[in-house]
Amino acid sequence: MSVGHSGVTTEPVVSCGGEHEDCGIREVLDRIGDKWSVLVIVELAQGVRRFRQLQRAVPGISQRMLTLTVRRLERDGLVSRTVHATVPPQVEYELTPTGHSLTHLVRALADWSAEHREGIAASRRAWDAANPGSGVH
């Protein structure tokens, strides 16, 4: 236990045991911390989606990046892919039970973001005003 800069007593959020022990969080963050995975998970939390539906629902994602994102999520067991034998083949994506178990964490992150958006924006404006030309944006 330690005291943070605000004077509040804090406990470590994650403790893997030993100082150099790998608890797997880096791998998880590599996946869900990328630019697109959380947005795809949010969309699939609404239900089964075809590829083009996903692409339309995630503004700015290219076809290639969506393909890579769903493949990675599928590899990690968060998304399942079903190919229907139609002409042309129809492909659907949905969250697996493991993927669904992640949605409450994504919701908590979204709630936190909404709650703190204005404060973060104000802090950024103040920092940028105090550090002009820093190149940090």
N, C-alpha and C. Protein backbone atom coordinates (compact mmCIF):
# COMPACT_ATOMS: atom_id res chain seq x y z
N MET A 1 0.85 -1.17 0.00
CA MET A 1 0.00 0.00 0.00
C MET A 1 0.89 1.23 0.00
N SER A 2 0.47 2.28 -0.77
CA SER A 2 1.24 3.51 -0.82
C SER A 2 0.28 4.69 -0.85
N VAL A 3 0.83 5.87 -0.71
CA VAL A 3 0.02 7.08 -0.76
C VAL A 3 0.32 7.77 -2.08
N GLY A 4 -0.72 7.99 -2.89
CA GLY A 4 -0.58 8.63 -4.19
C GLY A 4 -0.37 10.13 -4.05
N HIS A 5 -0.13 10.82 -5.19
CA HIS A 5 0.15 12.25 -5.15
C HIS A 5 -1.04 13.06 -4.65
N SER A 6 -2.22 12.52 -4.68
CA SER A 6 -3.40 13.24 -4.20
C SER A 6 -3.62 13.01 -2.71
N GLY A 7 -2.74 12.24 -2.07
CA GLY A 7 -2.87 11.96 -0.65
C GLY A 7 -3.79 10.79 -0.34
N VAL A 8 -4.29 10.13 -1.37
CA VAL A 8 -5.19 8.99 -1.20
C VAL A 8 -4.37 7.72 -1.11
N THR A 9 -4.70 6.87 -0.17
CA THR A 9 -4.01 5.60 -0.04
C THR A 9 -4.41 4.72 -1.21
N THR A 10 -3.41 4.14 -1.86
CA THR A 10 -3.69 3.33 -3.05
C THR A 10 -3.10 1.94 -2.88
N GLU A 11 -3.74 0.99 -3.49
CA GLU A 11 -3.25 -0.39 -3.54
C GLU A 11 -2.93 -0.66 -5.00
N PRO A 12 -1.99 -1.55 -5.29
CA PRO A 12 -1.70 -1.87 -6.69
C PRO A 12 -2.96 -2.43 -7.36
N VAL A 13 -3.20 -2.01 -8.59
CA VAL A 13 -4.35 -2.50 -9.33
C VAL A 13 -4.16 -3.96 -9.69
N VAL A 14 -2.95 -4.29 -10.12
CA VAL A 14 -2.64 -5.66 -10.52
C VAL A 14 -1.35 -6.06 -9.83
N SER A 15 -1.36 -7.22 -9.25
CA SER A 15 -0.15 -7.75 -8.67
C SER A 15 0.01 -9.18 -9.16
N CYS A 16 1.10 -9.42 -9.84
CA CYS A 16 1.35 -10.75 -10.40
C CYS A 16 2.19 -11.61 -9.46
N GLY A 17 2.45 -11.11 -8.30
CA GLY A 17 3.30 -11.85 -7.38
C GLY A 17 4.68 -11.23 -7.37
N GLY A 18 5.65 -11.94 -7.93
CA GLY A 18 7.02 -11.45 -7.97
C GLY A 18 7.18 -10.28 -8.90
N GLU A 19 8.27 -9.55 -8.71
CA GLU A 19 8.52 -8.34 -9.49
C GLU A 19 8.56 -8.60 -10.99
N HIS A 20 9.10 -9.74 -11.40
CA HIS A 20 9.25 -10.02 -12.83
C HIS A 20 8.32 -11.13 -13.32
N GLU A 21 7.34 -11.48 -12.51
CA GLU A 21 6.42 -12.54 -12.89
C GLU A 21 5.45 -12.03 -13.96
N ASP A 22 5.22 -12.83 -14.96
CA ASP A 22 4.31 -12.47 -16.05
C ASP A 22 2.92 -13.03 -15.75
N CYS A 23 1.96 -12.14 -15.54
CA CYS A 23 0.59 -12.59 -15.25
C CYS A 23 -0.28 -12.54 -16.51
N GLY A 24 0.30 -12.21 -17.64
CA GLY A 24 -0.44 -12.21 -18.89
C GLY A 24 -1.08 -10.89 -19.26
N ILE A 25 -0.96 -9.88 -18.42
CA ILE A 25 -1.64 -8.63 -18.71
C ILE A 25 -1.06 -7.93 -19.94
N ARG A 26 0.22 -8.08 -20.18
CA ARG A 26 0.81 -7.45 -21.37
C ARG A 26 0.17 -7.98 -22.65
N GLU A 27 -0.02 -9.30 -22.71
CA GLU A 27 -0.65 -9.89 -23.89
C GLU A 27 -2.08 -9.40 -24.06
N VAL A 28 -2.81 -9.32 -22.96
CA VAL A 28 -4.20 -8.85 -23.03
C VAL A 28 -4.23 -7.40 -23.49
N LEU A 29 -3.36 -6.57 -22.92
CA LEU A 29 -3.34 -5.17 -23.32
C LEU A 29 -2.90 -4.99 -24.77
N ASP A 30 -2.00 -5.85 -25.24
CA ASP A 30 -1.61 -5.79 -26.64
C ASP A 30 -2.83 -5.99 -27.54
N ARG A 31 -3.72 -6.86 -27.11
CA ARG A 31 -4.90 -7.14 -27.94
C ARG A 31 -5.97 -6.08 -27.77
N ILE A 32 -6.44 -5.89 -26.57
CA ILE A 32 -7.58 -4.98 -26.39
C ILE A 32 -7.16 -3.52 -26.33
N GLY A 33 -5.85 -3.28 -26.23
CA GLY A 33 -5.37 -1.92 -26.18
C GLY A 33 -5.08 -1.33 -27.54
N ASP A 34 -5.27 -2.10 -28.60
CA ASP A 34 -5.02 -1.52 -29.92
C ASP A 34 -6.18 -0.60 -30.31
N LYS A 35 -6.01 0.07 -31.40
CA LYS A 35 -6.96 1.12 -31.80
C LYS A 35 -8.35 0.58 -32.12
N TRP A 36 -8.45 -0.65 -32.61
CA TRP A 36 -9.73 -1.11 -33.16
C TRP A 36 -10.43 -2.20 -32.36
N SER A 37 -9.72 -3.01 -31.62
CA SER A 37 -10.33 -4.19 -30.98
C SER A 37 -11.50 -3.85 -30.07
N VAL A 38 -11.34 -2.85 -29.22
CA VAL A 38 -12.44 -2.50 -28.30
C VAL A 38 -13.66 -2.05 -29.09
N LEU A 39 -13.46 -1.29 -30.17
CA LEU A 39 -14.60 -0.83 -30.97
C LEU A 39 -15.33 -2.00 -31.63
N VAL A 40 -14.58 -3.00 -32.08
CA VAL A 40 -15.19 -4.19 -32.66
C VAL A 40 -15.93 -4.97 -31.58
N ILE A 41 -15.33 -5.10 -30.40
CA ILE A 41 -15.99 -5.81 -29.30
C ILE A 41 -17.28 -5.11 -28.91
N VAL A 42 -17.24 -3.78 -28.83
CA VAL A 42 -18.45 -3.02 -28.50
C VAL A 42 -19.56 -3.31 -29.51
N GLU A 43 -19.22 -3.32 -30.77
CA GLU A 43 -20.23 -3.58 -31.80
C GLU A 43 -20.75 -5.01 -31.72
N LEU A 44 -19.86 -5.98 -31.52
CA LEU A 44 -20.29 -7.38 -31.45
C LEU A 44 -21.06 -7.68 -30.16
N ALA A 45 -20.90 -6.84 -29.15
CA ALA A 45 -21.70 -7.02 -27.93
C ALA A 45 -23.18 -6.81 -28.21
N GLN A 46 -23.49 -6.13 -29.32
CA GLN A 46 -24.88 -5.91 -29.72
C GLN A 46 -25.48 -7.14 -30.40
N GLY A 47 -24.62 -8.06 -30.85
CA GLY A 47 -25.10 -9.27 -31.50
C GLY A 47 -24.25 -9.65 -32.69
N VAL A 48 -24.69 -10.68 -33.39
CA VAL A 48 -23.98 -11.20 -34.57
C VAL A 48 -23.94 -10.12 -35.65
N ARG A 49 -22.78 -9.99 -36.29
CA ARG A 49 -22.61 -9.01 -37.37
C ARG A 49 -21.88 -9.65 -38.53
N ARG A 50 -22.29 -9.25 -39.74
CA ARG A 50 -21.54 -9.62 -40.93
C ARG A 50 -20.37 -8.64 -41.08
N PHE A 51 -19.41 -9.01 -41.91
CA PHE A 51 -18.20 -8.21 -42.07
C PHE A 51 -18.52 -6.77 -42.44
N ARG A 52 -19.34 -6.58 -43.45
CA ARG A 52 -19.66 -5.22 -43.91
C ARG A 52 -20.42 -4.44 -42.84
N GLN A 53 -21.27 -5.10 -42.07
CA GLN A 53 -21.95 -4.42 -40.97
C GLN A 53 -20.94 -3.90 -39.96
N LEU A 54 -19.97 -4.75 -39.64
CA LEU A 54 -18.91 -4.33 -38.72
C LEU A 54 -18.13 -3.15 -39.29
N GLN A 55 -17.80 -3.24 -40.55
CA GLN A 55 -17.01 -2.18 -41.17
C GLN A 55 -17.77 -0.85 -41.14
N ARG A 56 -19.05 -0.87 -41.41
CA ARG A 56 -19.86 0.35 -41.37
C ARG A 56 -20.02 0.88 -39.94
N ALA A 57 -20.04 -0.02 -38.98
CA ALA A 57 -20.28 0.37 -37.59
C ALA A 57 -19.03 0.92 -36.90
N VAL A 58 -17.85 0.69 -37.48
CA VAL A 58 -16.59 1.16 -36.88
C VAL A 58 -16.00 2.19 -37.85
N PRO A 59 -16.35 3.44 -37.68
CA PRO A 59 -15.90 4.48 -38.61
C PRO A 59 -14.38 4.56 -38.69
N GLY A 60 -13.89 4.64 -39.93
CA GLY A 60 -12.47 4.82 -40.15
C GLY A 60 -11.66 3.54 -40.29
N ILE A 61 -12.25 2.39 -40.00
CA ILE A 61 -11.48 1.15 -40.10
C ILE A 61 -11.47 0.68 -41.56
N SER A 62 -10.30 0.32 -42.03
CA SER A 62 -10.18 -0.18 -43.40
C SER A 62 -10.56 -1.66 -43.43
N GLN A 63 -10.81 -2.17 -44.63
CA GLN A 63 -11.13 -3.58 -44.79
C GLN A 63 -9.98 -4.45 -44.27
N ARG A 64 -8.76 -4.08 -44.62
CA ARG A 64 -7.60 -4.85 -44.18
C ARG A 64 -7.46 -4.84 -42.65
N MET A 65 -7.64 -3.67 -42.04
CA MET A 65 -7.48 -3.58 -40.59
C MET A 65 -8.60 -4.34 -39.87
N LEU A 66 -9.81 -4.30 -40.40
CA LEU A 66 -10.90 -5.06 -39.80
C LEU A 66 -10.61 -6.55 -39.91
N THR A 67 -10.11 -6.97 -41.06
CA THR A 67 -9.75 -8.38 -41.24
C THR A 67 -8.71 -8.81 -40.21
N LEU A 68 -7.65 -8.02 -40.05
CA LEU A 68 -6.62 -8.34 -39.07
C LEU A 68 -7.17 -8.34 -37.64
N THR A 69 -8.02 -7.38 -37.35
CA THR A 69 -8.57 -7.26 -36.00
C THR A 69 -9.44 -8.45 -35.64
N VAL A 70 -10.36 -8.84 -36.54
CA VAL A 70 -11.23 -9.98 -36.20
C VAL A 70 -10.43 -11.28 -36.17
N ARG A 71 -9.41 -11.40 -37.01
CA ARG A 71 -8.57 -12.60 -36.96
C ARG A 71 -7.84 -12.71 -35.62
N ARG A 72 -7.31 -11.59 -35.15
CA ARG A 72 -6.61 -11.59 -33.87
C ARG A 72 -7.56 -11.90 -32.72
N LEU A 73 -8.74 -11.30 -32.77
CA LEU A 73 -9.73 -11.56 -31.72
C LEU A 73 -10.20 -13.01 -31.77
N GLU A 74 -10.30 -13.56 -32.98
CA GLU A 74 -10.68 -14.96 -33.13
C GLU A 74 -9.56 -15.86 -32.58
N ARG A 75 -8.33 -15.54 -32.90
CA ARG A 75 -7.19 -16.32 -32.42
C ARG A 75 -7.14 -16.33 -30.89
N ASP A 76 -7.49 -15.21 -30.27
CA ASP A 76 -7.48 -15.10 -28.82
C ASP A 76 -8.73 -15.70 -28.16
N GLY A 77 -9.66 -16.19 -28.98
CA GLY A 77 -10.85 -16.83 -28.43
C GLY A 77 -11.93 -15.86 -27.99
N LEU A 78 -11.86 -14.61 -28.46
CA LEU A 78 -12.85 -13.61 -28.08
C LEU A 78 -13.99 -13.50 -29.09
N VAL A 79 -13.72 -13.89 -30.32
CA VAL A 79 -14.69 -13.79 -31.41
C VAL A 79 -14.74 -15.13 -32.14
N SER A 80 -15.94 -15.50 -32.55
CA SER A 80 -16.07 -16.69 -33.41
C SER A 80 -16.53 -16.24 -34.79
N ARG A 81 -16.10 -16.98 -35.77
CA ARG A 81 -16.38 -16.68 -37.19
C ARG A 81 -17.14 -17.86 -37.77
N THR A 82 -18.27 -17.57 -38.40
CA THR A 82 -19.07 -18.61 -39.03
C THR A 82 -19.21 -18.29 -40.52
N VAL A 83 -18.84 -19.26 -41.37
CA VAL A 83 -18.97 -19.09 -42.81
C VAL A 83 -20.17 -19.89 -43.27
N HIS A 84 -21.12 -19.22 -43.94
CA HIS A 84 -22.30 -19.88 -44.48
C HIS A 84 -22.06 -20.19 -45.95
N ALA A 85 -22.40 -21.40 -46.35
CA ALA A 85 -22.15 -21.86 -47.72
C ALA A 85 -23.18 -21.28 -48.67
N THR A 86 -23.05 -20.00 -48.94
CA THR A 86 -23.91 -19.32 -49.91
C THR A 86 -23.01 -18.77 -51.01
N VAL A 87 -23.61 -18.25 -52.06
CA VAL A 87 -22.84 -17.63 -53.13
C VAL A 87 -23.25 -16.17 -53.20
N PRO A 88 -22.36 -15.25 -52.88
CA PRO A 88 -21.02 -15.47 -52.33
C PRO A 88 -21.13 -15.93 -50.87
N PRO A 89 -20.05 -16.50 -50.33
CA PRO A 89 -20.09 -16.97 -48.95
C PRO A 89 -20.42 -15.81 -48.00
N GLN A 90 -21.25 -16.09 -47.03
CA GLN A 90 -21.61 -15.09 -46.04
C GLN A 90 -20.88 -15.43 -44.73
N VAL A 91 -20.18 -14.44 -44.18
CA VAL A 91 -19.40 -14.65 -42.97
C VAL A 91 -19.99 -13.80 -41.85
N GLU A 92 -20.19 -14.44 -40.70
CA GLU A 92 -20.72 -13.74 -39.54
C GLU A 92 -19.74 -13.85 -38.37
N TYR A 93 -19.72 -12.81 -37.57
CA TYR A 93 -18.85 -12.76 -36.40
C TYR A 93 -19.71 -12.55 -35.17
N GLU A 94 -19.30 -13.18 -34.07
CA GLU A 94 -19.97 -12.93 -32.80
C GLU A 94 -18.98 -13.15 -31.66
N LEU A 95 -19.30 -12.56 -30.53
CA LEU A 95 -18.45 -12.75 -29.36
C LEU A 95 -18.64 -14.15 -28.82
N THR A 96 -17.55 -14.73 -28.36
CA THR A 96 -17.60 -16.01 -27.66
C THR A 96 -17.98 -15.71 -26.21
N PRO A 97 -18.23 -16.74 -25.41
CA PRO A 97 -18.46 -16.48 -23.98
C PRO A 97 -17.30 -15.70 -23.34
N THR A 98 -16.07 -16.01 -23.73
CA THR A 98 -14.92 -15.25 -23.21
C THR A 98 -15.00 -13.80 -23.65
N GLY A 99 -15.34 -13.57 -24.90
CA GLY A 99 -15.50 -12.20 -25.40
C GLY A 99 -16.59 -11.45 -24.66
N HIS A 100 -17.72 -12.13 -24.42
CA HIS A 100 -18.81 -11.51 -23.66
C HIS A 100 -18.37 -11.17 -22.24
N SER A 101 -17.51 -12.00 -21.65
CA SER A 101 -17.07 -11.74 -20.28
C SER A 101 -16.24 -10.46 -20.20
N LEU A 102 -15.72 -10.01 -21.32
CA LEU A 102 -14.93 -8.78 -21.37
C LEU A 102 -15.80 -7.53 -21.45
N THR A 103 -17.04 -7.67 -21.87
CA THR A 103 -17.87 -6.50 -22.15
C THR A 103 -18.16 -5.65 -20.91
N HIS A 104 -18.23 -6.26 -19.73
CA HIS A 104 -18.49 -5.43 -18.54
C HIS A 104 -17.28 -4.54 -18.24
N LEU A 105 -16.08 -5.01 -18.58
CA LEU A 105 -14.89 -4.18 -18.39
C LEU A 105 -14.86 -3.04 -19.41
N VAL A 106 -15.27 -3.33 -20.63
CA VAL A 106 -15.33 -2.30 -21.67
C VAL A 106 -16.37 -1.26 -21.27
N ARG A 107 -17.49 -1.70 -20.72
CA ARG A 107 -18.53 -0.77 -20.26
C ARG A 107 -17.99 0.11 -19.14
N ALA A 108 -17.26 -0.47 -18.21
CA ALA A 108 -16.68 0.31 -17.11
C ALA A 108 -15.70 1.35 -17.66
N LEU A 109 -14.90 0.97 -18.65
CA LEU A 109 -13.97 1.91 -19.26
C LEU A 109 -14.71 3.03 -19.97
N ALA A 110 -15.78 2.69 -20.68
CA ALA A 110 -16.59 3.70 -21.37
C ALA A 110 -17.23 4.65 -20.35
N ASP A 111 -17.74 4.12 -19.27
CA ASP A 111 -18.34 4.95 -18.23
C ASP A 111 -17.29 5.89 -17.62
N TRP A 112 -16.10 5.34 -17.33
CA TRP A 112 -15.03 6.15 -16.77
C TRP A 112 -14.65 7.27 -17.75
N SER A 113 -14.56 6.93 -19.03
CA SER A 113 -14.20 7.92 -20.06
C SER A 113 -15.22 9.04 -20.11
N ALA A 114 -16.50 8.70 -20.09
CA ALA A 114 -17.56 9.71 -20.13
C ALA A 114 -17.51 10.59 -18.88
N GLU A 115 -17.28 9.97 -17.73
CA GLU A 115 -17.26 10.71 -16.47
C GLU A 115 -16.09 11.69 -16.40
N HIS A 116 -14.96 11.33 -16.98
CA HIS A 116 -13.74 12.14 -16.84
C HIS A 116 -13.36 12.90 -18.11
N ARG A 117 -14.16 12.81 -19.15
CA ARG A 117 -13.82 13.45 -20.43
C ARG A 117 -13.54 14.94 -20.29
N GLU A 118 -14.43 15.67 -19.62
CA GLU A 118 -14.26 17.12 -19.49
C GLU A 118 -13.02 17.48 -18.67
N GLY A 119 -12.78 16.76 -17.59
CA GLY A 119 -11.61 17.02 -16.76
C GLY A 119 -10.31 16.76 -17.51
N ILE A 120 -10.30 15.69 -18.28
CA ILE A 120 -9.09 15.38 -19.06
C ILE A 120 -8.88 16.45 -20.13
N ALA A 121 -9.96 16.86 -20.79
CA ALA A 121 -9.84 17.90 -21.82
C ALA A 121 -9.32 19.20 -21.20
N ALA A 122 -9.81 19.56 -20.02
CA ALA A 122 -9.34 20.78 -19.34
C ALA A 122 -7.87 20.65 -18.96
N SER A 123 -7.47 19.48 -18.47
CA SER A 123 -6.06 19.26 -18.13
C SER A 123 -5.18 19.37 -19.36
N ARG A 124 -5.63 18.83 -20.47
CA ARG A 124 -4.85 18.91 -21.71
C ARG A 124 -4.70 20.36 -22.16
N ARG A 125 -5.80 21.12 -22.11
CA ARG A 125 -5.73 22.52 -22.51
C ARG A 125 -4.75 23.28 -21.63
N ALA A 126 -4.81 23.05 -20.31
CA ALA A 126 -3.91 23.74 -19.38
C ALA A 126 -2.47 23.33 -19.64
N TRP A 127 -2.22 22.05 -19.84
CA TRP A 127 -0.86 21.57 -20.09
C TRP A 127 -0.32 22.15 -21.39
N ASP A 128 -1.16 22.12 -22.46
CA ASP A 128 -0.74 22.65 -23.76
C ASP A 128 -0.43 24.14 -23.66
N ALA A 129 -1.23 24.89 -22.89
CA ALA A 129 -0.98 26.33 -22.72
C ALA A 129 0.33 26.57 -21.98
N ALA A 130 0.65 25.71 -21.02
CA ALA A 130 1.87 25.85 -20.24
C ALA A 130 3.10 25.31 -20.96
N ASN A 131 2.88 24.49 -22.00
CA ASN A 131 3.99 23.84 -22.72
C ASN A 131 3.82 24.01 -24.22
N PRO A 132 3.76 25.23 -24.72
CA PRO A 132 3.56 25.45 -26.17
C PRO A 132 4.72 24.87 -26.98
N GLY A 133 4.38 24.31 -28.09
CA GLY A 133 5.40 23.77 -28.98
C GLY A 133 6.04 22.48 -28.49
N SER A 134 5.41 21.81 -27.53
CA SER A 134 6.01 20.59 -26.99
C SER A 134 5.92 19.41 -27.96
N GLY A 135 4.98 19.50 -28.89
CA GLY A 135 4.79 18.40 -29.85
C GLY A 135 4.04 17.23 -29.30
N VAL A 136 3.52 17.34 -28.08
CA VAL A 136 2.74 16.24 -27.47
C VAL A 136 1.28 16.49 -27.74
N HIS A 137 0.66 15.57 -28.48
CA HIS A 137 -0.80 15.67 -28.74
C HIS A 137 -1.39 14.33 -28.90
